[in-house]
Amino acid sequence: MTALIVIAVIVIIIAAILSVSATFTVTYTDKWKTTISILWIEKDIELTKILNFILFPQNAANKVQTGKNKKDNKNKKDKKNNQNNEEIKPAPQKSESAAAADENKTESAENKPAPQNEKKPNYFKNMWDKDGIVGIMEFVSNMLETASSAVSVLIKGFHIYSFYVKIIVGGGNADEIARAYGRVCRFYYPFKGAVLGGMRVDNYDDLIAPDFIAPRNEYGFQFIGSISVGLLLKVALAAVKTFLINIIKNNKNNK
């Protein structure tokens, strides 16, 4: 009886952990606002910085490098000032026995052989040496298929509570408004079909229209969705399963 109670408690704890989810709220009226909520913890995040880092990683790397260079220059300047201060102080005199001990330590350190760094085996080089271009292509194909499988599970399990899109095409020029509205429809409605057809969506609404008297475009956006620990575990298991199956198939074909 005690064992059953312990098993039941463990199952309940695991189920509670897997049900924990993170809820994302993204809205746009005059500016973007993004909030993430986990249990009772809620935090605002800057979506523009994350998108800039993903879309323009080189710019982010340059900013980090600039900050690092400034820090290094400051450290060098402080070190130089410390060295100048130490040069002003008189050096303490060592006894003959201490000087002889320091010389012996220096000689013994010089006589020791320099440690040789062991080179770690390069996975891709070994793959190239063993299977050549075929092995590299099989590996890339496996990674792409693994990523596709993981993304597919993620998209199907992602829960969208609310999705609202507002695009009012204006600008004053009727010809430009009509062309812009056509371009918006060409890209938006396939996106809408993919979302409604491949995801769990509770509420979806949109307002896509031309306004021939509006002086400018108007935009509105709201997205509320969640992702659970259980879904992340499913994504990881699907990726591992696809990866291992492909490796087994490739090994059988190469024999």
C-alpha atoms as a PDB file:
ATOM      1  CA  MET A   1       0.000   0.000   0.000  1.00  0.00           C
ATOM      2  CA  THR A   2       2.799   2.396   0.892  1.00  0.00           C
ATOM      3  CA  ALA A   3       4.529   1.678  -2.422  1.00  0.00           C
ATOM      4  CA  LEU A   4       1.348   2.551  -4.348  1.00  0.00           C
ATOM      5  CA  ILE A   5       1.008   5.829  -2.455  1.00  0.00           C
ATOM      6  CA  VAL A   6       4.634   6.730  -3.231  1.00  0.00           C
ATOM      7  CA  ILE A   7       4.167   5.866  -6.924  1.00  0.00           C
ATOM      8  CA  ALA A   8       0.944   7.922  -7.041  1.00  0.00           C
ATOM      9  CA  VAL A   9       2.698  10.923  -5.460  1.00  0.00           C
ATOM     10  CA  ILE A  10       5.601  10.663  -7.941  1.00  0.00           C
ATOM     11  CA  VAL A  11       3.164  10.463 -10.871  1.00  0.00           C
ATOM     12  CA  ILE A  12       1.281  13.525  -9.617  1.00  0.00           C
ATOM     13  CA  ILE A  13       4.520  15.501  -9.197  1.00  0.00           C
ATOM     14  CA  ILE A  14       5.722  14.561 -12.699  1.00  0.00           C
ATOM     15  CA  ALA A  15       2.317  15.473 -14.176  1.00  0.00           C
ATOM     16  CA  ALA A  16       2.392  18.827 -12.378  1.00  0.00           C
ATOM     17  CA  ILE A  17       5.905  19.587 -13.673  1.00  0.00           C
ATOM     18  CA  LEU A  18       4.988  18.647 -17.252  1.00  0.00           C
ATOM     19  CA  SER A  19       1.872  20.842 -17.098  1.00  0.00           C
ATOM     20  CA  VAL A  20       3.826  23.968 -16.127  1.00  0.00           C
ATOM     21  CA  SER A  21       3.684  26.355 -19.061  1.00  0.00           C
ATOM     22  CA  ALA A  22       5.076  29.708 -20.126  1.00  0.00           C
ATOM     23  CA  THR A  23       2.540  32.167 -21.532  1.00  0.00           C
ATOM     24  CA  PHE A  24       3.705  34.753 -24.057  1.00  0.00           C
ATOM     25  CA  THR A  25       1.755  37.957 -24.637  1.00  0.00           C
ATOM     26  CA  VAL A  26       2.800  40.154 -27.558  1.00  0.00           C
ATOM     27  CA  THR A  27       0.860  43.333 -28.387  1.00  0.00           C
ATOM     28  CA  TYR A  28       1.388  46.277 -30.706  1.00  0.00           C
ATOM     29  CA  THR A  29      -0.509  49.551 -30.817  1.00  0.00           C
ATOM     30  CA  ASP A  30       1.980  52.384 -30.908  1.00  0.00           C
ATOM     31  CA  LYS A  31       4.912  50.240 -29.779  1.00  0.00           C
ATOM     32  CA  TRP A  32       5.736  46.593 -29.128  1.00  0.00           C
ATOM     33  CA  LYS A  33       5.159  45.103 -25.694  1.00  0.00           C
ATOM     34  CA  THR A  34       6.105  41.530 -24.847  1.00  0.00           C
ATOM     35  CA  THR A  35       5.398  39.753 -21.547  1.00  0.00           C
ATOM     36  CA  ILE A  36       6.235  36.235 -20.426  1.00  0.00           C
ATOM     37  CA  SER A  37       4.432  34.597 -17.499  1.00  0.00           C
ATOM     38  CA  ILE A  38       5.454  31.402 -15.687  1.00  0.00           C
ATOM     39  CA  LEU A  39       3.180  30.463 -12.774  1.00  0.00           C
ATOM     40  CA  TRP A  40       2.986  33.666 -10.693  1.00  0.00           C
ATOM     41  CA  ILE A  41       6.124  35.230 -12.193  1.00  0.00           C
ATOM     42  CA  GLU A  42       5.595  37.829 -14.917  1.00  0.00           C
ATOM     43  CA  LYS A  43       8.356  39.695 -16.739  1.00  0.00           C
ATOM     44  CA  ASP A  44       8.502  42.162 -19.611  1.00  0.00           C
ATOM     45  CA  ILE A  45      11.089  41.449 -22.314  1.00  0.00           C
ATOM     46  CA  GLU A  46      12.341  43.602 -25.168  1.00  0.00           C
ATOM     47  CA  LEU A  47      11.320  41.749 -28.319  1.00  0.00           C
ATOM     48  CA  THR A  48      13.095  44.198 -30.628  1.00  0.00           C
ATOM     49  CA  LYS A  49      16.493  43.403 -29.092  1.00  0.00           C
ATOM     50  CA  ILE A  50      15.896  39.656 -29.450  1.00  0.00           C
ATOM     51  CA  LEU A  51      14.825  40.034 -33.091  1.00  0.00           C
ATOM     52  CA  ASN A  52      17.836  42.247 -33.837  1.00  0.00           C
ATOM     53  CA  PHE A  53      20.108  39.619 -32.297  1.00  0.00           C
ATOM     54  CA  ILE A  54      18.502  36.835 -34.386  1.00  0.00           C
ATOM     55  CA  LEU A  55      18.234  38.747 -37.666  1.00  0.00           C
ATOM     56  CA  PHE A  56      21.428  40.801 -37.379  1.00  0.00           C
ATOM     57  CA  PRO A  57      23.874  38.796 -35.221  1.00  0.00           C
ATOM     58  CA  GLN A  58      26.896  40.615 -36.683  1.00  0.00           C
ATOM     59  CA  ASN A  59      25.697  43.969 -35.321  1.00  0.00           C
ATOM     60  CA  ALA A  60      25.173  42.443 -31.880  1.00  0.00           C
ATOM     61  CA  ALA A  61      28.635  40.871 -32.008  1.00  0.00           C
ATOM     62  CA  ASN A  62      30.169  44.233 -32.966  1.00  0.00           C
ATOM     63  CA  LYS A  63      28.483  45.915 -29.989  1.00  0.00           C
ATOM     64  CA  VAL A  64      29.756  43.223 -27.633  1.00  0.00           C
ATOM     65  CA  GLN A  65      33.259  43.521 -29.100  1.00  0.00           C
ATOM     66  CA  THR A  66      33.201  47.316 -28.733  1.00  0.00           C
ATOM     67  CA  GLY A  67      32.219  47.019 -25.080  1.00  0.00           C
ATOM     68  CA  LYS A  68      34.931  44.416 -24.523  1.00  0.00           C
ATOM     69  CA  ASN A  69      37.572  46.648 -26.132  1.00  0.00           C
ATOM     70  CA  LYS A  70      36.561  49.559 -23.897  1.00  0.00           C
ATOM     71  CA  LYS A  71      36.802  47.332 -20.831  1.00  0.00           C
ATOM     72  CA  ASP A  72      40.213  45.991 -21.926  1.00  0.00           C
ATOM     73  CA  ASN A  73      41.522  49.525 -22.501  1.00  0.00           C
ATOM     74  CA  LYS A  74      40.323  50.551 -19.056  1.00  0.00           C
ATOM     75  CA  ASN A  75      41.975  47.506 -17.444  1.00  0.00           C
ATOM     76  CA  LYS A  76      45.238  48.217 -19.283  1.00  0.00           C
ATOM     77  CA  LYS A  77      45.163  51.830 -18.126  1.00  0.00           C
ATOM     78  CA  ASP A  78      44.522  50.802 -14.503  1.00  0.00           C
ATOM     79  CA  LYS A  79      47.284  48.199 -14.702  1.00  0.00           C
ATOM     80  CA  LYS A  80      49.718  50.757 -16.099  1.00  0.00           C
ATOM     81  CA  ASN A  81      48.869  53.181 -13.290  1.00  0.00           C
ATOM     82  CA  ASN A  82      49.414  50.442 -10.718  1.00  0.00           C
ATOM     83  CA  GLN A  83      52.774  49.571 -12.271  1.00  0.00           C
ATOM     84  CA  ASN A  84      53.856  53.213 -12.140  1.00  0.00           C
ATOM     85  CA  ASN A  85      52.901  53.392  -8.472  1.00  0.00           C
ATOM     86  CA  GLU A  86      54.835  50.213  -7.732  1.00  0.00           C
ATOM     87  CA  GLU A  87      57.938  51.556  -9.490  1.00  0.00           C
ATOM     88  CA  ILE A  88      57.958  54.544  -7.161  1.00  0.00           C
ATOM     89  CA  LYS A  89      58.067  52.303  -4.076  1.00  0.00           C
ATOM     90  CA  PRO A  90      61.560  50.955  -3.193  1.00  0.00           C
ATOM     91  CA  ALA A  91      61.889  47.230  -3.754  1.00  0.00           C
ATOM     92  CA  PRO A  92      62.530  45.208  -0.572  1.00  0.00           C
ATOM     93  CA  GLN A  93      66.014  43.732  -0.273  1.00  0.00           C
ATOM     94  CA  LYS A  94      66.258  39.946  -0.224  1.00  0.00           C
ATOM     95  CA  SER A  95      68.807  37.980   1.765  1.00  0.00           C
ATOM     96  CA  GLU A  96      71.453  35.908  -0.029  1.00  0.00           C
ATOM     97  CA  SER A  97      69.773  32.630   0.963  1.00  0.00           C
ATOM     98  CA  ALA A  98      66.377  33.791  -0.363  1.00  0.00           C
ATOM     99  CA  ALA A  99      67.978  34.963  -3.627  1.00  0.00           C
ATOM    100  CA  ALA A 100      69.718  31.596  -4.048  1.00  0.00           C
ATOM    101  CA  ALA A 101      66.420  29.753  -3.414  1.00  0.00           C
ATOM    102  CA  ASP A 102      64.676  31.884  -6.056  1.00  0.00           C
ATOM    103  CA  GLU A 103      67.430  31.090  -8.575  1.00  0.00           C
ATOM    104  CA  ASN A 104      67.093  27.349  -7.895  1.00  0.00           C
ATOM    105  CA  LYS A 105      63.317  27.553  -8.388  1.00  0.00           C
ATOM    106  CA  THR A 106      63.793  29.400 -11.683  1.00  0.00           C
ATOM    107  CA  GLU A 107      66.319  26.841 -12.966  1.00  0.00           C
ATOM    108  CA  SER A 108      64.106  23.887 -12.005  1.00  0.00           C
ATOM    109  CA  ALA A 109      61.108  25.502 -13.728  1.00  0.00           C
ATOM    110  CA  GLU A 110      63.149  26.043 -16.889  1.00  0.00           C
ATOM    111  CA  ASN A 111      64.392  22.441 -16.896  1.00  0.00           C
ATOM    112  CA  LYS A 112      60.865  21.005 -16.687  1.00  0.00           C
ATOM    113  CA  PRO A 113      59.507  19.865 -20.080  1.00  0.00           C
ATOM    114  CA  ALA A 114      56.671  21.967 -21.444  1.00  0.00           C
ATOM    115  CA  PRO A 115      53.295  20.205 -21.180  1.00  0.00           C
ATOM    116  CA  GLN A 116      51.970  19.044 -24.528  1.00  0.00           C
ATOM    117  CA  ASN A 117      48.332  19.808 -25.223  1.00  0.00           C
ATOM    118  CA  GLU A 118      46.506  16.755 -26.490  1.00  0.00           C
ATOM    119  CA  LYS A 119      44.563  17.500 -29.652  1.00  0.00           C
ATOM    120  CA  LYS A 120      40.920  16.553 -29.406  1.00  0.00           C
ATOM    121  CA  PRO A 121      39.604  14.494 -32.304  1.00  0.00           C
ATOM    122  CA  ASN A 122      37.624  16.532 -34.821  1.00  0.00           C
ATOM    123  CA  TYR A 123      34.237  14.870 -35.440  1.00  0.00           C
ATOM    124  CA  PHE A 124      33.735  16.360 -38.901  1.00  0.00           C
ATOM    125  CA  LYS A 125      37.329  15.602 -39.975  1.00  0.00           C
ATOM    126  CA  ASN A 126      36.915  11.978 -38.913  1.00  0.00           C
ATOM    127  CA  MET A 127      33.624  11.841 -40.813  1.00  0.00           C
ATOM    128  CA  TRP A 128      35.305  13.280 -43.911  1.00  0.00           C
ATOM    129  CA  ASP A 129      38.199  10.811 -43.672  1.00  0.00           C
ATOM    130  CA  LYS A 130      35.828   7.884 -43.229  1.00  0.00           C
ATOM    131  CA  ASP A 131      32.922   8.605 -45.604  1.00  0.00           C
ATOM    132  CA  GLY A 132      33.963  11.711 -47.554  1.00  0.00           C
ATOM    133  CA  ILE A 133      31.366  14.069 -48.992  1.00  0.00           C
ATOM    134  CA  VAL A 134      28.677  11.370 -48.716  1.00  0.00           C
ATOM    135  CA  GLY A 135      29.054  11.271 -44.935  1.00  0.00           C
ATOM    136  CA  ILE A 136      28.848  15.073 -44.662  1.00  0.00           C
ATOM    137  CA  MET A 137      25.719  15.154 -46.850  1.00  0.00           C
ATOM    138  CA  GLU A 138      24.084  12.392 -44.811  1.00  0.00           C
ATOM    139  CA  PHE A 139      24.841  14.270 -41.595  1.00  0.00           C
ATOM    140  CA  VAL A 140      23.410  17.556 -42.920  1.00  0.00           C
ATOM    141  CA  SER A 141      20.319  15.757 -44.241  1.00  0.00           C
ATOM    142  CA  ASN A 142      19.865  14.077 -40.858  1.00  0.00           C
ATOM    143  CA  MET A 143      20.098  17.408 -39.008  1.00  0.00           C
ATOM    144  CA  LEU A 144      17.588  19.067 -41.344  1.00  0.00           C
ATOM    145  CA  GLU A 145      15.129  16.189 -40.988  1.00  0.00           C
ATOM    146  CA  THR A 146      15.601  16.221 -37.209  1.00  0.00           C
ATOM    147  CA  ALA A 147      14.929  19.964 -37.051  1.00  0.00           C
ATOM    148  CA  SER A 148      11.876  19.587 -39.285  1.00  0.00           C
ATOM    149  CA  SER A 149      10.466  16.848 -37.045  1.00  0.00           C
ATOM    150  CA  ALA A 150      11.026  18.925 -33.903  1.00  0.00           C
ATOM    151  CA  VAL A 151       9.458  22.052 -35.408  1.00  0.00           C
ATOM    152  CA  SER A 152       6.456  20.044 -36.627  1.00  0.00           C
ATOM    153  CA  VAL A 153       5.770  18.709 -33.113  1.00  0.00           C
ATOM    154  CA  LEU A 154       6.267  22.195 -31.651  1.00  0.00           C
ATOM    155  CA  ILE A 155       3.838  23.827 -34.090  1.00  0.00           C
ATOM    156  CA  LYS A 156       1.135  21.191 -33.560  1.00  0.00           C
ATOM    157  CA  GLY A 157       1.399  21.404 -29.773  1.00  0.00           C
ATOM    158  CA  PHE A 158       1.723  25.183 -29.444  1.00  0.00           C
ATOM    159  CA  HIS A 159      -1.475  26.573 -27.890  1.00  0.00           C
ATOM    160  CA  ILE A 160      -2.675  29.991 -29.069  1.00  0.00           C
ATOM    161  CA  TYR A 161      -5.357  31.536 -26.864  1.00  0.00           C
ATOM    162  CA  SER A 162      -5.834  34.747 -28.821  1.00  0.00           C
ATOM    163  CA  PHE A 163      -4.569  36.034 -32.168  1.00  0.00           C
ATOM    164  CA  TYR A 164      -5.630  39.394 -33.616  1.00  0.00           C
ATOM    165  CA  VAL A 165      -4.186  41.226 -36.616  1.00  0.00           C
ATOM    166  CA  LYS A 166      -5.151  44.684 -37.856  1.00  0.00           C
ATOM    167  CA  ILE A 167      -3.735  46.182 -41.061  1.00  0.00           C
ATOM    168  CA  ILE A 168      -5.377  49.261 -42.525  1.00  0.00           C
ATOM    169  CA  VAL A 169      -3.640  50.239 -45.761  1.00  0.00           C
ATOM    170  CA  GLY A 170      -3.693  53.996 -46.333  1.00  0.00           C
ATOM    171  CA  GLY A 171      -1.451  56.692 -47.715  1.00  0.00           C
ATOM    172  CA  GLY A 172      -3.594  59.041 -49.804  1.00  0.00           C
ATOM    173  CA  ASN A 173      -2.698  57.705 -53.268  1.00  0.00           C
ATOM    174  CA  ALA A 174      -5.424  55.319 -54.492  1.00  0.00           C
ATOM    175  CA  ASP A 175      -3.156  53.437 -56.910  1.00  0.00           C
ATOM    176  CA  GLU A 176      -0.415  52.865 -54.311  1.00  0.00           C
ATOM    177  CA  ILE A 177      -3.002  51.841 -51.701  1.00  0.00           C
ATOM    178  CA  ALA A 178      -4.509  49.239 -54.042  1.00  0.00           C
ATOM    179  CA  ARG A 179      -1.106  47.785 -54.912  1.00  0.00           C
ATOM    180  CA  ALA A 180       0.004  47.712 -51.264  1.00  0.00           C
ATOM    181  CA  TYR A 181      -3.254  46.048 -50.220  1.00  0.00           C
ATOM    182  CA  GLY A 182      -2.721  43.357 -52.867  1.00  0.00           C
ATOM    183  CA  ARG A 183       0.797  42.650 -51.584  1.00  0.00           C
ATOM    184  CA  VAL A 184      -0.468  42.422 -47.998  1.00  0.00           C
ATOM    185  CA  CYS A 185      -3.180  39.942 -48.977  1.00  0.00           C
ATOM    186  CA  ARG A 186      -0.726  37.846 -50.981  1.00  0.00           C
ATOM    187  CA  PHE A 187       1.460  37.263 -47.930  1.00  0.00           C
ATOM    188  CA  TYR A 188      -1.073  37.439 -45.106  1.00  0.00           C
ATOM    189  CA  TYR A 189      -3.789  34.964 -46.109  1.00  0.00           C
ATOM    190  CA  PRO A 190      -1.439  31.998 -46.728  1.00  0.00           C
ATOM    191  CA  PHE A 191       0.039  32.758 -43.292  1.00  0.00           C
ATOM    192  CA  LYS A 192      -3.459  32.791 -41.780  1.00  0.00           C
ATOM    193  CA  GLY A 193      -4.281  29.442 -43.395  1.00  0.00           C
ATOM    194  CA  ALA A 194      -1.080  27.878 -42.042  1.00  0.00           C
ATOM    195  CA  VAL A 195      -1.801  29.101 -38.501  1.00  0.00           C
ATOM    196  CA  LEU A 196      -5.439  28.008 -38.421  1.00  0.00           C
ATOM    197  CA  GLY A 197      -4.721  24.710 -40.176  1.00  0.00           C
ATOM    198  CA  GLY A 198      -1.642  23.625 -38.234  1.00  0.00           C
ATOM    199  CA  MET A 199      -1.984  25.064 -34.712  1.00  0.00           C
ATOM    200  CA  ARG A 200      -4.365  24.961 -31.761  1.00  0.00           C
ATOM    201  CA  VAL A 201      -6.104  28.340 -31.905  1.00  0.00           C
ATOM    202  CA  ASP A 202      -8.943  29.341 -29.561  1.00  0.00           C
ATOM    203  CA  ASN A 203      -9.706  32.831 -30.883  1.00  0.00           C
ATOM    204  CA  TYR A 204      -8.586  34.359 -34.168  1.00  0.00           C
ATOM    205  CA  ASP A 205      -9.731  37.670 -35.621  1.00  0.00           C
ATOM    206  CA  ASP A 206      -8.356  40.109 -38.155  1.00  0.00           C
ATOM    207  CA  LEU A 207      -9.094  43.340 -39.952  1.00  0.00           C
ATOM    208  CA  ILE A 208      -7.322  43.664 -43.295  1.00  0.00           C
ATOM    209  CA  ALA A 209      -8.717  46.440 -45.471  1.00  0.00           C
ATOM    210  CA  PRO A 210      -7.757  49.403 -47.674  1.00  0.00           C
ATOM    211  CA  ASP A 211      -8.710  52.922 -46.608  1.00  0.00           C
ATOM    212  CA  PHE A 212      -8.482  55.371 -49.484  1.00  0.00           C
ATOM    213  CA  ILE A 213      -8.941  58.447 -47.283  1.00  0.00           C
ATOM    214  CA  ALA A 214      -6.537  57.438 -44.473  1.00  0.00           C
ATOM    215  CA  PRO A 215      -3.329  59.525 -44.522  1.00  0.00           C
ATOM    216  CA  ARG A 216      -1.162  56.625 -43.337  1.00  0.00           C
ATOM    217  CA  ASN A 217      -1.151  52.915 -42.550  1.00  0.00           C
ATOM    218  CA  GLU A 218      -2.532  51.630 -39.259  1.00  0.00           C
ATOM    219  CA  TYR A 219      -1.384  48.472 -37.503  1.00  0.00           C
ATOM    220  CA  GLY A 220      -2.576  46.446 -34.526  1.00  0.00           C
ATOM    221  CA  PHE A 221      -1.471  43.088 -33.186  1.00  0.00           C
ATOM    222  CA  GLN A 222      -2.184  40.812 -30.247  1.00  0.00           C
ATOM    223  CA  PHE A 223      -0.830  37.344 -29.611  1.00  0.00           C
ATOM    224  CA  ILE A 224      -1.318  35.226 -26.491  1.00  0.00           C
ATOM    225  CA  GLY A 225       0.097  31.711 -26.557  1.00  0.00           C
ATOM    226  CA  SER A 226       1.679  29.165 -24.255  1.00  0.00           C
ATOM    227  CA  ILE A 227       4.213  26.361 -24.367  1.00  0.00           C
ATOM    228  CA  SER A 228       4.446  23.687 -21.667  1.00  0.00           C
ATOM    229  CA  VAL A 229       7.289  21.617 -20.265  1.00  0.00           C
ATOM    230  CA  GLY A 230       5.546  18.509 -21.591  1.00  0.00           C
ATOM    231  CA  LEU A 231       5.567  19.928 -25.121  1.00  0.00           C
ATOM    232  CA  LEU A 232       9.276  20.733 -24.891  1.00  0.00           C
ATOM    233  CA  LEU A 233       9.899  17.150 -23.766  1.00  0.00           C
ATOM    234  CA  LYS A 234       7.896  15.855 -26.756  1.00  0.00           C
ATOM    235  CA  VAL A 235       9.932  18.072 -29.093  1.00  0.00           C
ATOM    236  CA  ALA A 236      13.212  16.760 -27.641  1.00  0.00           C
ATOM    237  CA  LEU A 237      12.067  13.111 -27.860  1.00  0.00           C
ATOM    238  CA  ALA A 238      10.877  13.565 -31.457  1.00  0.00           C
ATOM    239  CA  ALA A 239      14.214  15.104 -32.439  1.00  0.00           C
ATOM    240  CA  VAL A 240      16.247  12.346 -30.742  1.00  0.00           C
ATOM    241  CA  LYS A 241      14.063   9.625 -32.280  1.00  0.00           C
ATOM    242  CA  THR A 242      14.412  11.007 -35.816  1.00  0.00           C
ATOM    243  CA  PHE A 243      18.159  11.515 -35.406  1.00  0.00           C
ATOM    244  CA  LEU A 244      18.810   7.975 -34.134  1.00  0.00           C
ATOM    245  CA  ILE A 245      16.588   6.349 -36.779  1.00  0.00           C
ATOM    246  CA  ASN A 246      18.453   8.167 -39.552  1.00  0.00           C
ATOM    247  CA  ILE A 247      21.823   7.160 -38.118  1.00  0.00           C
ATOM    248  CA  ILE A 248      20.761   3.496 -37.995  1.00  0.00           C
ATOM    249  CA  LYS A 249      19.470   3.644 -41.589  1.00  0.00           C
ATOM    250  CA  ASN A 250      22.677   5.296 -42.831  1.00  0.00           C
ATOM    251  CA  ASN A 251      24.857   2.727 -41.066  1.00  0.00           C
ATOM    252  CA  LYS A 252      22.857  -0.140 -42.656  1.00  0.00           C
ATOM    253  CA  ASN A 253      23.110   1.408 -46.107  1.00  0.00           C
ATOM    254  CA  ASN A 254      26.875   1.936 -45.769  1.00  0.00           C
ATOM    255  CA  LYS A 255      27.544  -1.698 -44.838  1.00  0.00           C
END
